[in-house]
Amino acid sequence: MTGPANTEQLGSINRKIVADGEVLPAVQLKDGSRVQTGTVATMLLNVELYNKGERGAVEDELKLAVPTLAKVGLFTLFSPDEWIAGDNAGRRFVGEQARVWLAAQAG
């Protein structure tokens, strides 16, 4: 079984949170799928960067993370609507992207 979309790409993106020379592995979950470690931590950093006004690559990286974040249950723990609520622009962006992605998965 393969992992969520963008797993390999996240391996490169997620290096921004570790020291030079460190590599974050993709791990196999009990259902056999593979996910990239470091995705939640990188998402938190990117939310912070988004809140400081960065756009472009940060938005792209947040969008790419959504399938993995969904796979590990982040949007079950906190629904997209909970991410969207409040005044945190970065959280809202993640919630909006999750809502779009989840709707597309539902067909």
PDB file of N, CA and C in Angstrom:
ATOM      1  N   MET A   1       0.850  -1.181   0.000  1.00  0.00           N
ATOM      2  CA  MET A   1       0.000   0.000   0.000  1.00  0.00           C
ATOM      3  C   MET A   1       0.890   1.237   0.000  1.00  0.00           C
ATOM      4  N   THR A   2       0.486   2.228  -0.740  1.00  0.00           N
ATOM      5  CA  THR A   2       1.248   3.467  -0.785  1.00  0.00           C
ATOM      6  C   THR A   2       0.720   4.438   0.264  1.00  0.00           C
ATOM      7  N   GLY A   3       1.339   5.563   0.336  1.00  0.00           N
ATOM      8  CA  GLY A   3       0.928   6.571   1.304  1.00  0.00           C
ATOM      9  C   GLY A   3       0.092   7.652   0.662  1.00  0.00           C
ATOM     10  N   PRO A   4      -0.208   8.670   1.442  1.00  0.00           N
ATOM     11  CA  PRO A   4      -0.954   9.805   0.917  1.00  0.00           C
ATOM     12  C   PRO A   4      -0.172  10.495  -0.206  1.00  0.00           C
ATOM     13  N   ALA A   5      -0.883  11.238  -1.010  1.00  0.00           N
ATOM     14  CA  ALA A   5      -0.231  12.015  -2.061  1.00  0.00           C
ATOM     15  C   ALA A   5       0.839  12.908  -1.455  1.00  0.00           C
ATOM     16  N   ASN A   6       1.901  13.105  -2.185  1.00  0.00           N
ATOM     17  CA  ASN A   6       2.965  14.046  -1.830  1.00  0.00           C
ATOM     18  C   ASN A   6       3.937  13.545  -0.769  1.00  0.00           C
ATOM     19  N   THR A   7       3.882  12.263  -0.390  1.00  0.00           N
ATOM     20  CA  THR A   7       4.752  11.758   0.673  1.00  0.00           C
ATOM     21  C   THR A   7       6.224  12.002   0.346  1.00  0.00           C
ATOM     22  N   GLU A   8       6.643  11.685  -0.870  1.00  0.00           N
ATOM     23  CA  GLU A   8       8.054  11.880  -1.231  1.00  0.00           C
ATOM     24  C   GLU A   8       8.429  13.355  -1.235  1.00  0.00           C
ATOM     25  N   GLN A   9       7.562  14.186  -1.749  1.00  0.00           N
ATOM     26  CA  GLN A   9       7.827  15.625  -1.793  1.00  0.00           C
ATOM     27  C   GLN A   9       7.952  16.197  -0.383  1.00  0.00           C
ATOM     28  N   LEU A  10       7.135  15.711   0.543  1.00  0.00           N
ATOM     29  CA  LEU A  10       7.197  16.190   1.924  1.00  0.00           C
ATOM     30  C   LEU A  10       8.528  15.853   2.575  1.00  0.00           C
ATOM     31  N   GLY A  11       9.154  14.760   2.159  1.00  0.00           N
ATOM     32  CA  GLY A  11      10.462  14.404   2.701  1.00  0.00           C
ATOM     33  C   GLY A  11      11.461  15.527   2.511  1.00  0.00           C
ATOM     34  N   SER A  12      11.407  16.165   1.362  1.00  0.00           N
ATOM     35  CA  SER A  12      12.297  17.293   1.074  1.00  0.00           C
ATOM     36  C   SER A  12      11.856  18.550   1.813  1.00  0.00           C
ATOM     37  N   ILE A  13      10.570  18.827   1.788  1.00  0.00           N
ATOM     38  CA  ILE A  13      10.034  20.023   2.445  1.00  0.00           C
ATOM     39  C   ILE A  13      10.306  19.991   3.943  1.00  0.00           C
ATOM     40  N   ASN A  14      10.115  18.836   4.561  1.00  0.00           N
ATOM     41  CA  ASN A  14      10.213  18.732   6.015  1.00  0.00           C
ATOM     42  C   ASN A  14      11.638  18.868   6.541  1.00  0.00           C
ATOM     43  N   ARG A  15      12.613  18.891   5.659  1.00  0.00           N
ATOM     44  CA  ARG A  15      14.002  19.094   6.100  1.00  0.00           C
ATOM     45  C   ARG A  15      14.210  20.473   6.712  1.00  0.00           C
ATOM     46  N   LYS A  16      13.288  21.392   6.471  1.00  0.00           N
ATOM     47  CA  LYS A  16      13.442  22.747   6.992  1.00  0.00           C
ATOM     48  C   LYS A  16      13.367  22.796   8.516  1.00  0.00           C
ATOM     49  N   ILE A  17      12.913  21.705   9.153  1.00  0.00           N
ATOM     50  CA  ILE A  17      12.790  21.712  10.615  1.00  0.00           C
ATOM     51  C   ILE A  17      13.912  20.970  11.323  1.00  0.00           C
ATOM     52  N   VAL A  18      14.806  20.337  10.572  1.00  0.00           N
ATOM     53  CA  VAL A  18      15.879  19.559  11.205  1.00  0.00           C
ATOM     54  C   VAL A  18      17.242  20.160  10.876  1.00  0.00           C
ATOM     55  N   ALA A  19      18.235  19.775  11.660  1.00  0.00           N
ATOM     56  CA  ALA A  19      19.599  20.249  11.454  1.00  0.00           C
ATOM     57  C   ALA A  19      20.135  19.763  10.111  1.00  0.00           C
ATOM     58  N   ASP A  20      21.082  20.510   9.576  1.00  0.00           N
ATOM     59  CA  ASP A  20      21.727  20.114   8.322  1.00  0.00           C
ATOM     60  C   ASP A  20      22.245  18.685   8.423  1.00  0.00           C
ATOM     61  N   GLY A  21      22.008  17.920   7.379  1.00  0.00           N
ATOM     62  CA  GLY A  21      22.475  16.538   7.331  1.00  0.00           C
ATOM     63  C   GLY A  21      21.497  15.527   7.902  1.00  0.00           C
ATOM     64  N   GLU A  22      20.507  15.980   8.646  1.00  0.00           N
ATOM     65  CA  GLU A  22      19.501  15.071   9.205  1.00  0.00           C
ATOM     66  C   GLU A  22      18.447  14.771   8.145  1.00  0.00           C
ATOM     67  N   VAL A  23      17.921  13.572   8.187  1.00  0.00           N
ATOM     68  CA  VAL A  23      16.887  13.150   7.247  1.00  0.00           C
ATOM     69  C   VAL A  23      15.734  12.555   8.038  1.00  0.00           C
ATOM     70  N   LEU A  24      14.542  13.000   7.731  1.00  0.00           N
ATOM     71  CA  LEU A  24      13.346  12.451   8.365  1.00  0.00           C
ATOM     72  C   LEU A  24      12.824  11.294   7.520  1.00  0.00           C
ATOM     73  N   PRO A  25      12.599  10.136   8.130  1.00  0.00           N
ATOM     74  CA  PRO A  25      12.138   8.989   7.347  1.00  0.00           C
ATOM     75  C   PRO A  25      10.632   9.019   7.095  1.00  0.00           C
ATOM     76  N   ALA A  26      10.229   8.325   6.059  1.00  0.00           N
ATOM     77  CA  ALA A  26       8.824   7.977   5.898  1.00  0.00           C
ATOM     78  C   ALA A  26       8.643   6.689   6.692  1.00  0.00           C
ATOM     79  N   VAL A  27       7.527   6.565   7.375  1.00  0.00           N
ATOM     80  CA  VAL A  27       7.283   5.378   8.193  1.00  0.00           C
ATOM     81  C   VAL A  27       6.025   4.670   7.712  1.00  0.00           C
ATOM     82  N   GLN A  28       5.980   3.371   7.970  1.00  0.00           N
ATOM     83  CA  GLN A  28       4.819   2.577   7.583  1.00  0.00           C
ATOM     84  C   GLN A  28       3.857   2.499   8.755  1.00  0.00           C
ATOM     85  N   LEU A  29       2.598   2.825   8.490  1.00  0.00           N
ATOM     86  CA  LEU A  29       1.551   2.722   9.499  1.00  0.00           C
ATOM     87  C   LEU A  29       1.019   1.293   9.545  1.00  0.00           C
ATOM     88  N   LYS A  30       0.238   0.993  10.550  1.00  0.00           N
ATOM     89  CA  LYS A  30      -0.293  -0.364  10.708  1.00  0.00           C
ATOM     90  C   LYS A  30      -1.170  -0.798   9.541  1.00  0.00           C
ATOM     91  N   ASP A  31      -1.779   0.169   8.851  1.00  0.00           N
ATOM     92  CA  ASP A  31      -2.605  -0.198   7.694  1.00  0.00           C
ATOM     93  C   ASP A  31      -1.767  -0.432   6.435  1.00  0.00           C
ATOM     94  N   GLY A  32      -0.443  -0.299   6.568  1.00  0.00           N
ATOM     95  CA  GLY A  32       0.457  -0.540   5.452  1.00  0.00           C
ATOM     96  C   GLY A  32       0.836   0.700   4.659  1.00  0.00           C
ATOM     97  N   SER A  33       0.144   1.790   4.880  1.00  0.00           N
ATOM     98  CA  SER A  33       0.473   3.017   4.152  1.00  0.00           C
ATOM     99  C   SER A  33       1.707   3.683   4.754  1.00  0.00           C
ATOM    100  N   ARG A  34       2.354   4.511   3.950  1.00  0.00           N
ATOM    101  CA  ARG A  34       3.561   5.211   4.399  1.00  0.00           C
ATOM    102  C   ARG A  34       3.254   6.699   4.517  1.00  0.00           C
ATOM    103  N   VAL A  35       3.757   7.309   5.586  1.00  0.00           N
ATOM    104  CA  VAL A  35       3.625   8.754   5.765  1.00  0.00           C
ATOM    105  C   VAL A  35       4.990   9.340   6.106  1.00  0.00           C
ATOM    106  N   GLN A  36       5.162  10.585   5.773  1.00  0.00           N
ATOM    107  CA  GLN A  36       6.420  11.282   6.014  1.00  0.00           C
ATOM    108  C   GLN A  36       6.429  11.878   7.418  1.00  0.00           C
ATOM    109  N   THR A  37       7.441  11.506   8.207  1.00  0.00           N
ATOM    110  CA  THR A  37       7.571  12.099   9.533  1.00  0.00           C
ATOM    111  C   THR A  37       7.961  13.568   9.394  1.00  0.00           C
ATOM    112  N   GLY A  38       7.624  14.336  10.411  1.00  0.00           N
ATOM    113  CA  GLY A  38       7.949  15.755  10.431  1.00  0.00           C
ATOM    114  C   GLY A  38       6.896  16.644   9.807  1.00  0.00           C
ATOM    115  N   THR A  39       5.844  16.052   9.260  1.00  0.00           N
ATOM    116  CA  THR A  39       4.844  16.846   8.547  1.00  0.00           C
ATOM    117  C   THR A  39       4.064  17.758   9.484  1.00  0.00           C
ATOM    118  N   VAL A  40       3.699  17.280  10.660  1.00  0.00           N
ATOM    119  CA  VAL A  40       2.965  18.124  11.604  1.00  0.00           C
ATOM    120  C   VAL A  40       3.854  19.273  12.080  1.00  0.00           C
ATOM    121  N   ALA A  41       5.093  18.974  12.426  1.00  0.00           N
ATOM    122  CA  ALA A  41       6.008  20.023  12.891  1.00  0.00           C
ATOM    123  C   ALA A  41       6.261  21.057  11.797  1.00  0.00           C
ATOM    124  N   THR A  42       6.423  20.604  10.563  1.00  0.00           N
ATOM    125  CA  THR A  42       6.641  21.533   9.457  1.00  0.00           C
ATOM    126  C   THR A  42       5.395  22.371   9.218  1.00  0.00           C
ATOM    127  N   MET A  43       4.220  21.765   9.347  1.00  0.00           N
ATOM    128  CA  MET A  43       2.978  22.516   9.200  1.00  0.00           C
ATOM    129  C   MET A  43       2.900  23.612  10.255  1.00  0.00           C
ATOM    130  N   LEU A  44       3.278  23.304  11.493  1.00  0.00           N
ATOM    131  CA  LEU A  44       3.241  24.317  12.549  1.00  0.00           C
ATOM    132  C   LEU A  44       4.189  25.472  12.232  1.00  0.00           C
ATOM    133  N   LEU A  45       5.383  25.164  11.745  1.00  0.00           N
ATOM    134  CA  LEU A  45       6.326  26.208  11.344  1.00  0.00           C
ATOM    135  C   LEU A  45       5.750  27.032  10.197  1.00  0.00           C
ATOM    136  N   ASN A  46       5.161  26.367   9.216  1.00  0.00           N
ATOM    137  CA  ASN A  46       4.600  27.083   8.074  1.00  0.00           C
ATOM    138  C   ASN A  46       3.404  27.942   8.463  1.00  0.00           C
ATOM    139  N   VAL A  47       2.602  27.503   9.427  1.00  0.00           N
ATOM    140  CA  VAL A  47       1.513  28.342   9.929  1.00  0.00           C
ATOM    141  C   VAL A  47       2.100  29.612  10.546  1.00  0.00           C
ATOM    142  N   GLU A  48       3.163  29.460  11.313  1.00  0.00           N
ATOM    143  CA  GLU A  48       3.824  30.625  11.909  1.00  0.00           C
ATOM    144  C   GLU A  48       4.342  31.572  10.818  1.00  0.00           C
ATOM    145  N   LEU A  49       4.978  31.009   9.794  1.00  0.00           N
ATOM    146  CA  LEU A  49       5.486  31.832   8.691  1.00  0.00           C
ATOM    147  C   LEU A  49       4.341  32.523   7.947  1.00  0.00           C
ATOM    148  N   TYR A  50       3.253  31.800   7.741  1.00  0.00           N
ATOM    149  CA  TYR A  50       2.072  32.369   7.090  1.00  0.00           C
ATOM    150  C   TYR A  50       1.557  33.546   7.908  1.00  0.00           C
ATOM    151  N   ASN A  51       1.493  33.363   9.221  1.00  0.00           N
ATOM    152  CA  ASN A  51       0.999  34.426  10.097  1.00  0.00           C
ATOM    153  C   ASN A  51       1.910  35.650  10.084  1.00  0.00           C
ATOM    154  N   LYS A  52       3.167  35.455   9.727  1.00  0.00           N
ATOM    155  CA  LYS A  52       4.113  36.574   9.620  1.00  0.00           C
ATOM    156  C   LYS A  52       4.069  37.216   8.235  1.00  0.00           C
ATOM    157  N   GLY A  53       3.192  36.722   7.372  1.00  0.00           N
ATOM    158  CA  GLY A  53       3.000  37.338   6.070  1.00  0.00           C
ATOM    159  C   GLY A  53       3.598  36.609   4.883  1.00  0.00           C
ATOM    160  N   GLU A  54       4.288  35.497   5.119  1.00  0.00           N
ATOM    161  CA  GLU A  54       4.857  34.757   3.985  1.00  0.00           C
ATOM    162  C   GLU A  54       3.741  34.045   3.219  1.00  0.00           C
ATOM    163  N   ARG A  55       3.870  34.025   1.916  1.00  0.00           N
ATOM    164  CA  ARG A  55       2.905  33.349   1.060  1.00  0.00           C
ATOM    165  C   ARG A  55       3.674  32.551   0.019  1.00  0.00           C
ATOM    166  N   GLY A  56       3.045  32.173  -1.043  1.00  0.00           N
ATOM    167  CA  GLY A  56       3.723  31.454  -2.126  1.00  0.00           C
ATOM    168  C   GLY A  56       4.124  30.057  -1.712  1.00  0.00           C
ATOM    169  N   ALA A  57       5.424  29.822  -1.516  1.00  0.00           N
ATOM    170  CA  ALA A  57       5.932  28.488  -1.179  1.00  0.00           C
ATOM    171  C   ALA A  57       5.315  27.963   0.108  1.00  0.00           C
ATOM    172  N   VAL A  58       5.102  28.839   1.084  1.00  0.00           N
ATOM    173  CA  VAL A  58       4.502  28.400   2.353  1.00  0.00           C
ATOM    174  C   VAL A  58       3.091  27.873   2.107  1.00  0.00           C
ATOM    175  N   GLU A  59       2.322  28.564   1.290  1.00  0.00           N
ATOM    176  CA  GLU A  59       0.974  28.095   0.958  1.00  0.00           C
ATOM    177  C   GLU A  59       1.031  26.754   0.230  1.00  0.00           C
ATOM    178  N   ASP A  60       1.950  26.643  -0.714  1.00  0.00           N
ATOM    179  CA  ASP A  60       2.094  25.386  -1.455  1.00  0.00           C
ATOM    180  C   ASP A  60       2.438  24.236  -0.518  1.00  0.00           C
ATOM    181  N   GLU A  61       3.363  24.473   0.407  1.00  0.00           N
ATOM    182  CA  GLU A  61       3.776  23.428   1.347  1.00  0.00           C
ATOM    183  C   GLU A  61       2.636  23.039   2.275  1.00  0.00           C
ATOM    184  N   LEU A  62       1.849  24.001   2.708  1.00  0.00           N
ATOM    185  CA  LEU A  62       0.694  23.680   3.557  1.00  0.00           C
ATOM    186  C   LEU A  62      -0.324  22.841   2.783  1.00  0.00           C
ATOM    187  N   LYS A  63      -0.576  23.188   1.535  1.00  0.00           N
ATOM    188  CA  LYS A  63      -1.508  22.409   0.709  1.00  0.00           C
ATOM    189  C   LYS A  63      -1.008  20.981   0.520  1.00  0.00           C
ATOM    190  N   LEU A  64       0.284  20.839   0.243  1.00  0.00           N
ATOM    191  CA  LEU A  64       0.853  19.506   0.031  1.00  0.00           C
ATOM    192  C   LEU A  64       0.769  18.635   1.278  1.00  0.00           C
ATOM    193  N   ALA A  65       0.761  19.249   2.449  1.00  0.00           N
ATOM    194  CA  ALA A  65       0.730  18.497   3.701  1.00  0.00           C
ATOM    195  C   ALA A  65      -0.649  17.944   4.039  1.00  0.00           C
ATOM    196  N   VAL A  66      -1.697  18.516   3.486  1.00  0.00           N
ATOM    197  CA  VAL A  66      -3.064  18.157   3.893  1.00  0.00           C
ATOM    198  C   VAL A  66      -3.358  16.659   3.800  1.00  0.00           C
ATOM    199  N   PRO A  67      -3.032  15.945   2.710  1.00  0.00           N
ATOM    200  CA  PRO A  67      -3.344  14.510   2.685  1.00  0.00           C
ATOM    201  C   PRO A  67      -2.681  13.725   3.821  1.00  0.00           C
ATOM    202  N   THR A  68      -1.438  14.052   4.139  1.00  0.00           N
ATOM    203  CA  THR A  68      -0.761  13.359   5.242  1.00  0.00           C
ATOM    204  C   THR A  68      -1.373  13.749   6.573  1.00  0.00           C
ATOM    205  N   LEU A  69      -1.675  15.026   6.760  1.00  0.00           N
ATOM    206  CA  LEU A  69      -2.305  15.468   8.008  1.00  0.00           C
ATOM    207  C   LEU A  69      -3.653  14.771   8.198  1.00  0.00           C
ATOM    208  N   ALA A  70      -4.386  14.590   7.106  1.00  0.00           N
ATOM    209  CA  ALA A  70      -5.659  13.866   7.185  1.00  0.00           C
ATOM    210  C   ALA A  70      -5.419  12.398   7.528  1.00  0.00           C
ATOM    211  N   LYS A  71      -4.416  11.794   6.901  1.00  0.00           N
ATOM    212  CA  LYS A  71      -4.123  10.372   7.127  1.00  0.00           C
ATOM    213  C   LYS A  71      -3.796  10.090   8.581  1.00  0.00           C
ATOM    214  N   VAL A  72      -3.064  10.993   9.231  1.00  0.00           N
ATOM    215  CA  VAL A  72      -2.680  10.754  10.628  1.00  0.00           C
ATOM    216  C   VAL A  72      -3.750  11.215  11.613  1.00  0.00           C
ATOM    217  N   GLY A  73      -4.890  11.689  11.106  1.00  0.00           N
ATOM    218  CA  GLY A  73      -6.032  11.981  11.961  1.00  0.00           C
ATOM    219  C   GLY A  73      -6.152  13.391  12.488  1.00  0.00           C
ATOM    220  N   LEU A  74      -5.370  14.311  11.970  1.00  0.00           N
ATOM    221  CA  LEU A  74      -5.405  15.673  12.492  1.00  0.00           C
ATOM    222  C   LEU A  74      -6.772  16.324  12.308  1.00  0.00           C
ATOM    223  N   PHE A  75      -7.445  16.028  11.189  1.00  0.00           N
ATOM    224  CA  PHE A  75      -8.731  16.660  10.933  1.00  0.00           C
ATOM    225  C   PHE A  75      -9.898  15.870  11.523  1.00  0.00           C
ATOM    226  N   THR A  76      -9.590  14.748  12.150  1.00  0.00           N
ATOM    227  CA  THR A  76     -10.572  14.052  12.980  1.00  0.00           C
ATOM    228  C   THR A  76     -10.507  14.617  14.390  1.00  0.00           C
ATOM    229  N   LEU A  77      -9.285  14.859  14.852  1.00  0.00           N
ATOM    230  CA  LEU A  77      -9.085  15.448  16.177  1.00  0.00           C
ATOM    231  C   LEU A  77      -9.643  16.865  16.228  1.00  0.00           C
ATOM    232  N   PHE A  78      -9.307  17.669  15.230  1.00  0.00           N
ATOM    233  CA  PHE A  78      -9.821  19.033  15.088  1.00  0.00           C
ATOM    234  C   PHE A  78     -10.366  19.152  13.675  1.00  0.00           C
ATOM    235  N   SER A  79     -11.669  19.345  13.550  1.00  0.00           N
ATOM    236  CA  SER A  79     -12.297  19.410  12.230  1.00  0.00           C
ATOM    237  C   SER A  79     -11.802  20.637  11.461  1.00  0.00           C
ATOM    238  N   PRO A  80     -11.933  20.609  10.135  1.00  0.00           N
ATOM    239  CA  PRO A  80     -11.567  21.805   9.372  1.00  0.00           C
ATOM    240  C   PRO A  80     -12.271  23.063   9.883  1.00  0.00           C
ATOM    241  N   ASP A  81     -13.527  22.929  10.289  1.00  0.00           N
ATOM    242  CA  ASP A  81     -14.238  24.096  10.818  1.00  0.00           C
ATOM    243  C   ASP A  81     -13.572  24.640  12.079  1.00  0.00           C
ATOM    244  N   GLU A  82     -13.040  23.747  12.919  1.00  0.00           N
ATOM    245  CA  GLU A  82     -12.323  24.206  14.111  1.00  0.00           C
ATOM    246  C   GLU A  82     -11.030  24.910  13.728  1.00  0.00           C
ATOM    247  N   TRP A  83     -10.363  24.433  12.680  1.00  0.00           N
ATOM    248  CA  TRP A  83      -9.151  25.092  12.192  1.00  0.00           C
ATOM    249  C   TRP A  83      -9.484  26.473  11.646  1.00  0.00           C
ATOM    250  N   ILE A  84     -10.621  26.597  10.997  1.00  0.00           N
ATOM    251  CA  ILE A  84     -11.019  27.856  10.364  1.00  0.00           C
ATOM    252  C   ILE A  84     -11.474  28.885  11.392  1.00  0.00           C
ATOM    253  N   ALA A  85     -12.078  28.439  12.485  1.00  0.00           N
ATOM    254  CA  ALA A  85     -12.600  29.348  13.511  1.00  0.00           C
ATOM    255  C   ALA A  85     -11.466  30.152  14.153  1.00  0.00           C
ATOM    256  N   GLY A  86     -11.792  31.332  14.615  1.00  0.00           N
ATOM    257  CA  GLY A  86     -10.800  32.149  15.311  1.00  0.00           C
ATOM    258  C   GLY A  86     -10.099  33.116  14.375  1.00  0.00           C
ATOM    259  N   ASP A  87      -9.074  33.765  14.918  1.00  0.00           N
ATOM    260  CA  ASP A  87      -8.421  34.832  14.164  1.00  0.00           C
ATOM    261  C   ASP A  87      -7.003  34.486  13.715  1.00  0.00           C
ATOM    262  N   ASN A  88      -6.640  33.200  13.726  1.00  0.00           N
ATOM    263  CA  ASN A  88      -5.313  32.786  13.293  1.00  0.00           C
ATOM    264  C   ASN A  88      -5.365  32.494  11.793  1.00  0.00           C
ATOM    265  N   ALA A  89      -4.770  33.382  11.007  1.00  0.00           N
ATOM    266  CA  ALA A  89      -4.863  33.271   9.546  1.00  0.00           C
ATOM    267  C   ALA A  89      -4.245  31.980   9.012  1.00  0.00           C
ATOM    268  N   GLY A  90      -3.131  31.553   9.582  1.00  0.00           N
ATOM    269  CA  GLY A  90      -2.481  30.325   9.132  1.00  0.00           C
ATOM    270  C   GLY A  90      -3.331  29.099   9.397  1.00  0.00           C
ATOM    271  N   ARG A  91      -3.897  29.032  10.594  1.00  0.00           N
ATOM    272  CA  ARG A  91      -4.806  27.916  10.911  1.00  0.00           C
ATOM    273  C   ARG A  91      -5.992  27.921   9.966  1.00  0.00           C
ATOM    274  N   ARG A  92      -6.533  29.095   9.721  1.00  0.00           N
ATOM    275  CA  ARG A  92      -7.684  29.203   8.822  1.00  0.00           C
ATOM    276  C   ARG A  92      -7.320  28.673   7.429  1.00  0.00           C
ATOM    277  N   PHE A  93      -6.136  29.038   6.932  1.00  0.00           N
ATOM    278  CA  PHE A  93      -5.704  28.568   5.617  1.00  0.00           C
ATOM    279  C   PHE A  93      -5.638  27.045   5.588  1.00  0.00           C
ATOM    280  N   VAL A  94      -5.051  26.443   6.612  1.00  0.00           N
ATOM    281  CA  VAL A  94      -4.966  24.974   6.677  1.00  0.00           C
ATOM    282  C   VAL A  94      -6.367  24.372   6.695  1.00  0.00           C
ATOM    283  N   GLY A  95      -7.253  24.923   7.505  1.00  0.00           N
ATOM    284  CA  GLY A  95      -8.621  24.419   7.579  1.00  0.00           C
ATOM    285  C   GLY A  95      -9.356  24.518   6.258  1.00  0.00           C
ATOM    286  N   GLU A  96      -9.166  25.638   5.571  1.00  0.00           N
ATOM    287  CA  GLU A  96      -9.811  25.811   4.268  1.00  0.00           C
ATOM    288  C   GLU A  96      -9.281  24.799   3.254  1.00  0.00           C
ATOM    289  N   GLN A  97      -7.976  24.585   3.260  1.00  0.00           N
ATOM    290  CA  GLN A  97      -7.389  23.606   2.344  1.00  0.00           C
ATOM    291  C   GLN A  97      -7.854  22.191   2.686  1.00  0.00           C
ATOM    292  N   ALA A  98      -7.961  21.898   3.968  1.00  0.00           N
ATOM    293  CA  ALA A  98      -8.446  20.581   4.395  1.00  0.00           C
ATOM    294  C   ALA A  98      -9.890  20.376   3.957  1.00  0.00           C
ATOM    295  N   ARG A  99     -10.694  21.400   4.109  1.00  0.00           N
ATOM    296  CA  ARG A  99     -12.100  21.302   3.711  1.00  0.00           C
ATOM    297  C   ARG A  99     -12.210  20.986   2.220  1.00  0.00           C
ATOM    298  N   VAL A 100     -11.446  21.682   1.405  1.00  0.00           N
ATOM    299  CA  VAL A 100     -11.457  21.452  -0.048  1.00  0.00           C
ATOM    300  C   VAL A 100     -10.999  20.032  -0.359  1.00  0.00           C
ATOM    301  N   TRP A 101      -9.892  19.614   0.256  1.00  0.00           N
ATOM    302  CA  TRP A 101      -9.334  18.286  -0.023  1.00  0.00           C
ATOM    303  C   TRP A 101     -10.294  17.184   0.422  1.00  0.00           C
ATOM    304  N   LEU A 102     -10.854  17.320   1.617  1.00  0.00           N
ATOM    305  CA  LEU A 102     -11.778  16.299   2.126  1.00  0.00           C
ATOM    306  C   LEU A 102     -13.033  16.213   1.259  1.00  0.00           C
ATOM    307  N   ALA A 103     -13.534  17.347   0.791  1.00  0.00           N
ATOM    308  CA  ALA A 103     -14.707  17.340  -0.091  1.00  0.00           C
ATOM    309  C   ALA A 103     -14.386  16.630  -1.403  1.00  0.00           C
ATOM    310  N   ALA A 104     -13.191  16.855  -1.928  1.00  0.00           N
ATOM    311  CA  ALA A 104     -12.786  16.188  -3.173  1.00  0.00           C
ATOM    312  C   ALA A 104     -12.676  14.678  -2.970  1.00  0.00           C
ATOM    313  N   GLN A 105     -12.214  14.251  -1.792  1.00  0.00           N
ATOM    314  CA  GLN A 105     -12.090  12.824  -1.504  1.00  0.00           C
ATOM    315  C   GLN A 105     -13.455  12.163  -1.375  1.00  0.00           C
ATOM    316  N   ALA A 106     -14.429  12.922  -0.875  1.00  0.00           N
ATOM    317  CA  ALA A 106     -15.781  12.392  -0.693  1.00  0.00           C
ATOM    318  C   ALA A 106     -16.520  12.270  -2.027  1.00  0.00           C
ATOM    319  N   GLY A 107     -16.011  12.954  -3.041  1.00  0.00           N
ATOM    320  CA  GLY A 107     -16.605  12.872  -4.372  1.00  0.00           C
ATOM    321  C   GLY A 107     -17.650  13.868  -4.538  1.00  0.00           C
TER     322      GLY A 107
END
